[in-house]
Amino acid sequence: MEQNKSFWSKFKSVFLNLIGPGFFLFDMVVDVWSVVSLYQQEAYIFLGPFVVILLGSSILVNAFSLLWYLEKDAKETRKERYLKNLRSLKILHVFQLGVPLRYASVLNTSIGGCSCNEIYTKDQVKYLKNDLSILRVIETFSESAPQLVIMLAIIFQRGEVELIPFLKAFCSVAALSVSVTMYYRSLRSSPATKAEPSWGSSAVYFLWNLLLIGPRVAAVALFASVFPCYIAAHFLCSWMVLFLCAWRLNTKFTKSAVEKCLYKATVGLIWYFSWFYLVTGRKKVAQILYHIWIVLDIGILCGVWVWQMKKSPPYFHLPIDPIVIFCVVTLLPIVGVVLMLIYYKFCHPTQDEPDGPTVTPKQDDQHSSEKESESPEQFISDNKGMRNIETDVLMVTLEHYNHGFRSLCGSENKSLESPEKFIGVNKRMRNLDANFF
């Protein structure tokens, strides 16, 4: 009976880890279909920005992925130095295959754990998925949200006021909120934090993000439908202000100057659509000011759209008065802010919650200094450092993929037979966790 439970637990883990790559492939198919559809419809004014968004988002995500793989750390080992010099790793990211490589690492880890008597633990899989969750959030607001704005602008401009297009748009907005919620769950259930959040708190978190992201996307799309040439100016001006605000705020996400600049520029992009935790101090003031600005900006964009609709009525008939649309779109984010306050009052965790052991930055740095004296032969058998587990899995993925996952248990990999319990902490997730609280 216990063996059956163990088998189904392993099978469930592998199946859940297949969902991410499945959605990734589905998203690629949808992107190609959207580009072909816009080309066939001769909507070149929207096709150009659509392709630029696709390429820009892919380059941004793969840039972060490569920087995280190659970031310098005091705990370098022989295999890490070897991996960092591999041309194949850089070539994969140049051809925009960094995210599939990470998914392959997670699957390799998960399936290898099943076939090798759980050599890789659940915490190790969770550790590898932490960076993927951050990359998915970046992709959500650098690709999915702008694409949704373009599609909604096309719907509003052509007067396709039917039920099916709006249902598709609602599902797309819900998908954006789901992505943010899954990042939230990954943040709270990572080894850097305490325990997995309840589904009730996740539902509240999803709802208030839905009520804030949805009206924001709708307001930008409404404005773009009447002033398609000015939306770029609005975005650039808003992004520059948000980037400067992010630049002045303190963050410990990374020590690299290049990555720091890229990260804060990305935060400015995310802030254009939704709030993202960045700082550890005075975040309440920053969050209040941000939501005041976002509500006012939504009202201005919708007000300009109503003025234009009254000044130059469209050739099609709107089933709903523009004033009613203005009221709904501007009131929904206010409801979302109220729901957000309810979440912070009753559902938001605190650092004093006794959910389990935590690793402080001081303890992690002390552990890092101890790992510096580690010999290369001890690298796999004692995978406690931040970079060790990620590099180990990549080595397994690149070197043993064609030999099958069973080869992990062979005599040529004796160092993998009895690994110690994994207690590593993803430093990026730990820093974001500090910002979250």
Protein backbone atom coordinates (compact mmCIF):
# COMPACT_ATOMS: atom_id res chain seq x y z
CA MET A 1 0.00 0.00 0.00
CA GLU A 2 2.81 2.40 0.89
CA GLN A 3 4.57 1.55 -2.37
CA ASN A 4 1.40 2.36 -4.33
CA LYS A 5 1.05 5.68 -2.52
CA SER A 6 4.69 6.46 -3.20
CA PHE A 7 4.27 5.59 -6.89
CA TRP A 8 1.18 7.77 -7.31
CA SER A 9 2.87 10.61 -5.43
CA LYS A 10 5.82 10.44 -7.83
CA PHE A 11 3.52 10.18 -10.84
CA LYS A 12 1.51 13.20 -9.66
CA SER A 13 4.71 15.21 -9.20
CA VAL A 14 5.91 14.39 -12.71
CA PHE A 15 2.48 15.14 -14.21
CA LEU A 16 2.30 18.55 -12.49
CA ASN A 17 5.77 19.38 -13.74
CA LEU A 18 4.59 18.60 -17.29
CA ILE A 19 1.90 21.30 -17.11
CA GLY A 20 4.40 24.16 -17.34
CA PRO A 21 6.09 22.94 -20.54
CA GLY A 22 2.66 22.13 -21.98
CA PHE A 23 1.42 25.70 -21.48
CA PHE A 24 4.72 27.01 -22.82
CA LEU A 25 4.27 25.07 -26.08
CA PHE A 26 0.59 26.09 -26.27
CA ASP A 27 1.59 29.75 -25.85
CA MET A 28 4.08 29.40 -28.72
CA VAL A 29 1.37 27.92 -30.98
CA VAL A 30 -1.05 30.73 -30.08
CA ASP A 31 1.61 33.37 -30.80
CA VAL A 32 2.31 31.92 -34.25
CA TRP A 33 -1.43 31.68 -34.98
CA SER A 34 -1.95 35.30 -33.90
CA VAL A 35 0.86 36.56 -36.15
CA VAL A 36 -0.53 34.62 -39.13
CA SER A 37 -4.07 35.89 -38.45
CA LEU A 38 -2.97 39.53 -38.27
CA TYR A 39 -1.02 39.10 -41.50
CA GLN A 40 -3.99 37.54 -43.30
CA GLN A 41 -6.24 40.35 -42.06
CA GLU A 42 -3.68 42.89 -43.35
CA ALA A 43 -3.65 44.57 -39.93
CA TYR A 44 -0.07 45.73 -40.39
CA ILE A 45 -0.39 48.62 -37.94
CA PHE A 46 -0.90 46.07 -35.16
CA LEU A 47 1.24 43.28 -36.64
CA GLY A 48 4.46 45.30 -36.31
CA PRO A 49 4.12 46.03 -32.57
CA PHE A 50 2.90 42.48 -31.99
CA VAL A 51 6.07 40.96 -33.48
CA VAL A 52 8.29 43.50 -31.68
CA ILE A 53 6.65 42.57 -28.37
CA LEU A 54 7.19 38.86 -29.05
CA LEU A 55 10.87 39.28 -29.87
CA GLY A 56 11.56 41.82 -27.14
CA SER A 57 9.94 39.69 -24.43
CA SER A 58 11.81 36.57 -25.54
CA ILE A 59 15.15 38.42 -25.54
CA LEU A 60 14.44 39.90 -22.10
CA VAL A 61 13.50 36.57 -20.51
CA ASN A 62 16.47 34.73 -22.02
CA ALA A 63 18.80 37.54 -20.95
CA PHE A 64 17.72 37.09 -17.34
CA SER A 65 18.02 33.32 -17.65
CA LEU A 66 21.56 33.50 -19.01
CA LEU A 67 22.66 36.09 -16.45
CA TRP A 68 21.40 33.86 -13.64
CA TYR A 69 23.24 30.87 -15.05
CA LEU A 70 26.49 32.80 -15.44
CA GLU A 71 26.37 35.00 -12.36
CA LYS A 72 29.60 34.96 -10.38
CA ASP A 73 29.59 33.42 -6.95
CA ALA A 74 32.31 32.81 -4.39
CA LYS A 75 31.31 29.14 -4.19
CA GLU A 76 32.53 28.17 -7.67
CA THR A 77 33.49 24.57 -8.26
CA ARG A 78 35.16 22.79 -11.14
CA LYS A 79 31.86 21.81 -12.75
CA GLU A 80 30.45 25.31 -12.39
CA ARG A 81 33.49 26.82 -14.09
CA TYR A 82 33.22 24.17 -16.81
CA LEU A 83 29.53 24.89 -17.33
CA LYS A 84 30.05 28.63 -17.50
CA ASN A 85 32.56 28.12 -20.31
CA LEU A 86 30.22 25.92 -22.33
CA ARG A 87 29.41 27.59 -25.62
CA SER A 88 26.29 25.46 -25.93
CA LEU A 89 24.70 27.22 -22.94
CA LYS A 90 25.15 30.65 -24.50
CA ILE A 91 24.14 29.40 -27.94
CA LEU A 92 20.89 27.99 -26.52
CA HIS A 93 20.03 31.38 -25.06
CA VAL A 94 21.00 33.20 -28.25
CA PHE A 95 18.45 31.01 -30.05
CA GLN A 96 15.91 31.80 -27.31
CA LEU A 97 15.93 28.30 -25.82
CA GLY A 98 16.82 29.24 -22.25
CA VAL A 99 13.33 28.66 -20.85
CA PRO A 100 12.91 25.23 -22.53
CA LEU A 101 16.30 24.30 -21.07
CA ARG A 102 15.06 25.19 -17.59
CA TYR A 103 11.88 23.19 -18.11
CA ALA A 104 14.00 20.25 -19.28
CA SER A 105 16.07 20.55 -16.10
CA VAL A 106 12.95 20.43 -13.93
CA LEU A 107 11.58 17.41 -15.82
CA ASN A 108 14.95 15.68 -15.73
CA THR A 109 15.11 16.23 -11.99
CA SER A 110 11.56 15.06 -11.37
CA ILE A 111 11.72 11.94 -13.57
CA GLY A 112 15.22 11.16 -12.34
CA GLY A 113 13.93 11.26 -8.76
CA CYS A 114 11.20 8.77 -9.63
CA SER A 115 13.48 6.33 -11.44
CA CYS A 116 16.34 6.59 -8.96
CA ASN A 117 14.49 6.23 -5.69
CA GLU A 118 13.99 9.98 -5.23
CA ILE A 119 17.61 11.05 -5.52
CA TYR A 120 16.28 14.55 -6.14
CA THR A 121 13.88 15.64 -3.44
CA LYS A 122 10.74 17.70 -3.71
CA ASP A 123 12.56 20.72 -2.32
CA GLN A 124 15.14 20.47 -5.08
CA VAL A 125 12.46 20.52 -7.78
CA LYS A 126 10.86 23.47 -6.02
CA TYR A 127 14.23 25.21 -5.90
CA LEU A 128 14.65 24.87 -9.66
CA LYS A 129 11.11 26.10 -10.32
CA ASN A 130 11.66 29.32 -8.34
CA ASP A 131 13.60 31.00 -11.13
CA LEU A 132 11.04 29.75 -13.65
CA SER A 133 8.24 31.42 -11.67
CA ILE A 134 10.09 34.76 -11.80
CA LEU A 135 10.71 34.37 -15.54
CA ARG A 136 7.02 33.59 -16.11
CA VAL A 137 5.99 36.82 -14.37
CA ILE A 138 8.42 38.79 -16.54
CA GLU A 139 7.02 37.09 -19.65
CA THR A 140 3.46 37.75 -18.51
CA PHE A 141 3.86 41.52 -18.37
CA SER A 142 6.35 41.92 -21.21
CA GLU A 143 4.46 39.73 -23.71
CA SER A 144 1.01 38.51 -22.67
CA ALA A 145 -0.35 41.79 -21.28
CA PRO A 146 0.78 43.96 -24.26
CA GLN A 147 -0.55 41.33 -26.68
CA LEU A 148 -3.91 41.40 -24.91
CA VAL A 149 -3.97 45.20 -25.19
CA ILE A 150 -3.42 44.91 -28.96
CA MET A 151 -6.15 42.30 -29.40
CA LEU A 152 -8.65 44.32 -27.34
CA ALA A 153 -7.79 47.48 -29.26
CA ILE A 154 -8.57 45.63 -32.49
CA ILE A 155 -11.91 44.46 -31.06
CA PHE A 156 -12.88 47.98 -29.93
CA GLN A 157 -11.71 49.60 -33.15
CA ARG A 158 -13.65 47.20 -35.38
CA GLY A 159 -16.73 47.22 -33.20
CA GLU A 160 -16.75 43.46 -32.61
CA VAL A 161 -18.98 43.90 -29.57
CA GLU A 162 -19.99 40.25 -29.29
CA LEU A 163 -20.01 37.84 -26.40
CA ILE A 164 -17.31 35.41 -27.65
CA PRO A 165 -14.51 37.99 -28.12
CA PHE A 166 -15.13 39.44 -24.68
CA LEU A 167 -15.18 35.99 -23.11
CA LYS A 168 -11.82 35.29 -24.72
CA ALA A 169 -10.52 38.61 -23.41
CA PHE A 170 -11.78 37.83 -19.90
CA CYS A 171 -10.09 34.42 -19.97
CA SER A 172 -6.85 36.10 -21.06
CA VAL A 173 -7.04 38.60 -18.18
CA ALA A 174 -7.79 35.73 -15.81
CA ALA A 175 -4.70 33.94 -17.15
CA LEU A 176 -2.60 37.01 -16.29
CA SER A 177 -3.95 36.96 -12.73
CA VAL A 178 -3.35 33.21 -12.48
CA SER A 179 0.29 33.74 -13.49
CA VAL A 180 0.72 36.35 -10.74
CA THR A 181 -1.04 34.09 -8.23
CA MET A 182 1.17 31.12 -9.08
CA TYR A 183 4.22 33.31 -8.58
CA TYR A 184 2.76 34.30 -5.21
CA ARG A 185 2.30 30.65 -4.25
CA SER A 186 5.81 29.81 -5.45
CA LEU A 187 7.17 32.71 -3.41
CA ARG A 188 5.48 31.58 -0.21
CA SER A 189 6.19 27.87 -0.69
CA SER A 190 9.85 28.26 -1.67
CA PRO A 191 12.56 26.99 0.68
CA ALA A 192 13.31 30.61 1.55
CA THR A 193 9.87 31.01 3.13
CA LYS A 194 7.81 29.02 5.57
CA ALA A 195 4.90 27.05 4.17
CA GLU A 196 2.50 26.89 1.26
CA PRO A 197 -0.34 29.42 1.39
CA SER A 198 -3.92 28.30 1.74
CA TRP A 199 -6.12 28.19 -1.33
CA GLY A 200 -8.44 30.71 0.34
CA SER A 201 -5.73 33.38 0.56
CA SER A 202 -4.67 32.50 -3.00
CA ALA A 203 -8.25 33.05 -4.19
CA VAL A 204 -8.39 36.49 -2.55
CA TYR A 205 -4.99 37.32 -4.03
CA PHE A 206 -6.23 36.24 -7.47
CA LEU A 207 -9.42 38.31 -7.22
CA TRP A 208 -7.83 41.60 -6.26
CA ASN A 209 -5.19 41.19 -8.95
CA LEU A 210 -7.94 40.41 -11.48
CA LEU A 211 -9.82 43.56 -10.49
CA LEU A 212 -6.67 45.67 -10.84
CA ILE A 213 -5.04 44.15 -13.93
CA GLY A 214 -8.29 43.78 -15.93
CA PRO A 215 -9.37 47.46 -15.81
CA ARG A 216 -5.78 48.57 -16.45
CA VAL A 217 -5.53 46.47 -19.61
CA ALA A 218 -9.03 47.57 -20.69
CA ALA A 219 -8.24 51.28 -20.18
CA VAL A 220 -5.01 51.07 -22.19
CA ALA A 221 -6.83 49.14 -24.95
CA LEU A 222 -9.68 51.69 -25.08
CA PHE A 223 -7.21 54.54 -25.43
CA ALA A 224 -5.22 52.62 -28.07
CA SER A 225 -8.39 51.97 -30.09
CA VAL A 226 -8.96 55.72 -30.67
CA PHE A 227 -5.36 56.95 -30.51
CA PRO A 228 -3.16 54.04 -31.67
CA CYS A 229 -0.20 56.34 -32.38
CA TYR A 230 -0.23 58.02 -28.97
CA ILE A 231 -0.32 54.87 -26.83
CA ALA A 232 3.39 54.34 -27.46
CA ALA A 233 4.12 57.84 -26.15
CA HIS A 234 1.96 57.19 -23.09
CA PHE A 235 3.78 53.94 -22.39
CA LEU A 236 7.27 55.41 -22.83
CA CYS A 237 6.54 58.43 -20.61
CA SER A 238 4.95 56.26 -17.91
CA TRP A 239 7.75 53.69 -18.11
CA MET A 240 10.47 56.32 -17.75
CA VAL A 241 8.81 57.72 -14.62
CA LEU A 242 8.33 54.24 -13.15
CA PHE A 243 11.90 53.26 -14.03
CA LEU A 244 13.27 56.33 -12.25
CA CYS A 245 11.11 55.53 -9.22
CA ALA A 246 12.38 51.95 -9.21
CA TRP A 247 15.96 53.17 -9.61
CA ARG A 248 15.72 55.37 -6.51
CA LEU A 249 14.30 52.56 -4.39
CA ASN A 250 16.57 50.17 -2.56
CA THR A 251 16.68 46.59 -3.76
CA LYS A 252 18.86 43.58 -2.95
CA PHE A 253 17.72 41.40 -5.82
CA THR A 254 21.16 41.33 -7.44
CA LYS A 255 24.67 42.72 -7.02
CA SER A 256 25.56 42.94 -10.71
CA ALA A 257 25.31 46.48 -12.12
CA VAL A 258 24.08 45.27 -15.51
CA GLU A 259 21.47 42.95 -14.04
CA LYS A 260 20.43 45.62 -11.54
CA CYS A 261 19.73 48.09 -14.34
CA LEU A 262 17.92 45.47 -16.41
CA TYR A 263 15.90 44.32 -13.40
CA LYS A 264 14.71 47.81 -12.47
CA ALA A 265 13.83 48.56 -16.08
CA THR A 266 11.76 45.37 -16.08
CA VAL A 267 10.09 46.36 -12.82
CA GLY A 268 9.09 49.64 -14.47
CA LEU A 269 7.52 47.61 -17.28
CA ILE A 270 5.63 45.41 -14.81
CA TRP A 271 4.45 48.44 -12.85
CA TYR A 272 2.81 49.77 -15.98
CA PHE A 273 0.25 46.99 -15.57
CA SER A 274 0.45 45.73 -11.99
CA TRP A 275 2.18 46.19 -8.65
CA PHE A 276 5.39 44.23 -8.02
CA TYR A 277 7.19 43.98 -4.68
CA LEU A 278 10.61 45.63 -4.96
CA VAL A 279 11.78 47.18 -1.71
CA THR A 280 12.04 46.06 1.91
CA GLY A 281 11.41 49.44 3.56
CA ARG A 282 8.55 51.94 3.21
CA LYS A 283 6.82 49.65 0.74
CA LYS A 284 3.41 50.66 2.11
CA VAL A 285 3.96 54.27 1.10
CA ALA A 286 5.24 53.21 -2.34
CA GLN A 287 2.30 50.85 -2.83
CA ILE A 288 -0.26 53.49 -1.81
CA LEU A 289 1.23 56.09 -4.14
CA TYR A 290 1.37 53.55 -6.96
CA HIS A 291 -2.31 52.57 -6.68
CA ILE A 292 -3.38 56.21 -6.45
CA TRP A 293 -1.48 56.86 -9.69
CA ILE A 294 -2.84 53.77 -11.44
CA VAL A 295 -6.48 54.63 -10.59
CA LEU A 296 -6.02 58.22 -11.78
CA ASP A 297 -4.31 57.07 -14.98
CA ILE A 298 -7.11 54.61 -15.70
CA GLY A 299 -9.64 57.41 -15.23
CA ILE A 300 -7.71 59.73 -17.58
CA LEU A 301 -7.34 57.11 -20.32
CA CYS A 302 -11.02 56.17 -20.15
CA GLY A 303 -12.04 59.84 -20.00
CA VAL A 304 -10.10 60.61 -23.18
CA TRP A 305 -11.76 57.60 -24.86
CA VAL A 306 -15.26 58.80 -23.85
CA TRP A 307 -14.47 62.32 -25.08
CA GLN A 308 -13.32 60.97 -28.45
CA MET A 309 -16.37 58.69 -28.76
CA LYS A 310 -18.70 61.63 -28.10
CA LYS A 311 -16.75 63.91 -30.42
CA SER A 312 -16.47 61.43 -33.30
CA PRO A 313 -19.04 58.64 -32.90
CA PRO A 314 -17.97 55.31 -34.39
CA TYR A 315 -19.58 53.79 -37.45
CA PHE A 316 -20.89 50.89 -35.35
CA HIS A 317 -23.44 50.92 -32.55
CA LEU A 318 -22.24 50.46 -28.99
CA PRO A 319 -24.71 48.39 -26.95
CA ILE A 320 -23.50 50.15 -23.78
CA ASP A 321 -23.17 53.89 -23.31
CA PRO A 322 -19.52 55.06 -23.10
CA ILE A 323 -20.28 56.79 -19.79
CA VAL A 324 -21.35 53.45 -18.30
CA ILE A 325 -18.16 51.80 -19.55
CA PHE A 326 -16.15 54.66 -18.05
CA CYS A 327 -17.82 54.21 -14.66
CA VAL A 328 -17.35 50.43 -14.62
CA VAL A 329 -13.69 50.51 -15.69
CA THR A 330 -12.79 53.22 -13.16
CA LEU A 331 -14.75 51.70 -10.25
CA LEU A 332 -13.44 48.14 -10.60
CA PRO A 333 -9.84 49.04 -9.60
CA ILE A 334 -11.20 50.83 -6.53
CA VAL A 335 -13.00 47.61 -5.58
CA GLY A 336 -9.76 45.77 -6.23
CA VAL A 337 -7.88 48.11 -3.86
CA VAL A 338 -10.51 47.49 -1.16
CA LEU A 339 -10.15 43.74 -1.66
CA MET A 340 -6.37 44.14 -1.51
CA LEU A 341 -6.68 45.89 1.87
CA ILE A 342 -8.85 43.02 3.09
CA TYR A 343 -6.18 40.57 1.95
CA TYR A 344 -3.42 42.44 3.79
CA LYS A 345 -5.57 42.66 6.90
CA PHE A 346 -6.63 39.01 7.18
CA CYS A 347 -4.62 36.85 4.73
CA HIS A 348 -1.15 38.34 4.29
CA PRO A 349 1.57 36.37 6.12
CA THR A 350 4.01 37.89 8.56
CA GLN A 351 7.60 37.00 9.24
CA ASP A 352 6.67 35.97 12.76
CA GLU A 353 4.52 33.08 11.59
CA PRO A 354 5.94 29.79 12.94
CA ASP A 355 5.42 27.87 9.72
CA GLY A 356 8.86 26.31 9.67
CA PRO A 357 12.58 26.98 9.61
CA THR A 358 13.95 29.94 7.74
CA VAL A 359 17.38 30.86 6.51
CA THR A 360 18.53 34.39 7.22
CA PRO A 361 20.92 36.22 4.91
CA LYS A 362 23.60 36.12 7.60
CA GLN A 363 23.28 32.36 7.99
CA ASP A 364 23.34 31.92 4.23
CA ASP A 365 26.50 34.02 3.87
CA GLN A 366 28.17 32.06 6.66
CA HIS A 367 27.19 28.86 4.89
CA SER A 368 28.63 30.28 1.67
CA SER A 369 32.03 30.87 3.26
CA GLU A 370 32.07 27.31 4.52
CA LYS A 371 31.35 26.02 1.02
CA GLU A 372 34.31 27.84 -0.49
CA SER A 373 36.72 25.21 0.84
CA GLU A 374 34.69 22.36 -0.65
CA SER A 375 36.53 20.09 -3.06
CA PRO A 376 35.05 19.40 -6.52
CA GLU A 377 34.58 15.73 -5.61
CA GLN A 378 32.19 16.72 -2.83
CA PHE A 379 30.09 18.87 -5.15
CA ILE A 380 27.26 16.44 -5.95
CA SER A 381 27.19 14.58 -2.65
CA ASP A 382 26.81 17.82 -0.69
CA ASN A 383 24.55 20.03 -2.79
CA LYS A 384 23.65 22.72 -0.30
CA GLY A 385 24.89 25.90 -2.06
CA MET A 386 22.82 28.19 -4.17
CA ARG A 387 24.44 27.32 -7.49
CA ASN A 388 25.24 23.64 -6.88
CA ILE A 389 21.83 22.09 -7.48
CA GLU A 390 21.18 24.18 -10.58
CA THR A 391 24.55 23.34 -12.11
CA ASP A 392 24.25 19.65 -11.20
CA VAL A 393 20.90 19.33 -12.92
CA LEU A 394 22.15 21.14 -16.00
CA MET A 395 25.14 18.82 -16.18
CA VAL A 396 22.82 15.84 -15.97
CA THR A 397 20.54 17.35 -18.62
CA LEU A 398 23.34 18.15 -21.07
CA GLU A 399 25.51 15.05 -20.53
CA HIS A 400 23.08 12.21 -19.83
CA TYR A 401 19.91 13.10 -21.69
CA ASN A 402 20.58 10.72 -24.59
CA HIS A 403 21.44 7.87 -22.19
CA GLY A 404 18.06 7.94 -20.46
CA PHE A 405 17.15 8.82 -16.94
CA ARG A 406 18.00 5.32 -15.70
CA SER A 407 21.67 5.95 -16.32
CA LEU A 408 21.63 8.32 -13.37
CA CYS A 409 21.64 5.28 -11.11
CA GLY A 410 24.50 3.52 -12.90
CA SER A 411 27.97 2.81 -11.61
CA GLU A 412 29.43 5.74 -13.47
CA ASN A 413 27.48 8.13 -11.25
CA LYS A 414 28.18 6.66 -7.82
CA SER A 415 28.31 10.09 -6.27
CA LEU A 416 24.57 10.38 -6.87
CA GLU A 417 23.65 7.27 -4.85
CA SER A 418 23.31 8.79 -1.42
CA PRO A 419 22.95 12.56 -1.54
CA GLU A 420 22.28 14.45 1.64
CA LYS A 421 19.04 16.26 2.25
CA PHE A 422 18.77 19.44 0.21
CA ILE A 423 18.52 22.63 2.26
CA GLY A 424 19.61 25.20 -0.34
CA VAL A 425 17.93 28.57 -0.62
CA ASN A 426 17.39 30.46 -3.84
CA LYS A 427 18.84 33.90 -3.04
CA ARG A 428 16.67 35.69 -5.59
CA MET A 429 13.54 34.16 -4.10
CA ARG A 430 14.80 34.93 -0.61
CA ASN A 431 15.28 38.62 -1.48
CA LEU A 432 11.87 38.80 -3.17
CA ASP A 433 10.44 37.08 -0.11
CA ALA A 434 11.87 39.85 2.10
CA ASN A 435 10.25 42.44 -0.18
CA PHE A 436 6.97 40.53 -0.09
CA PHE A 437 6.74 40.68 3.69
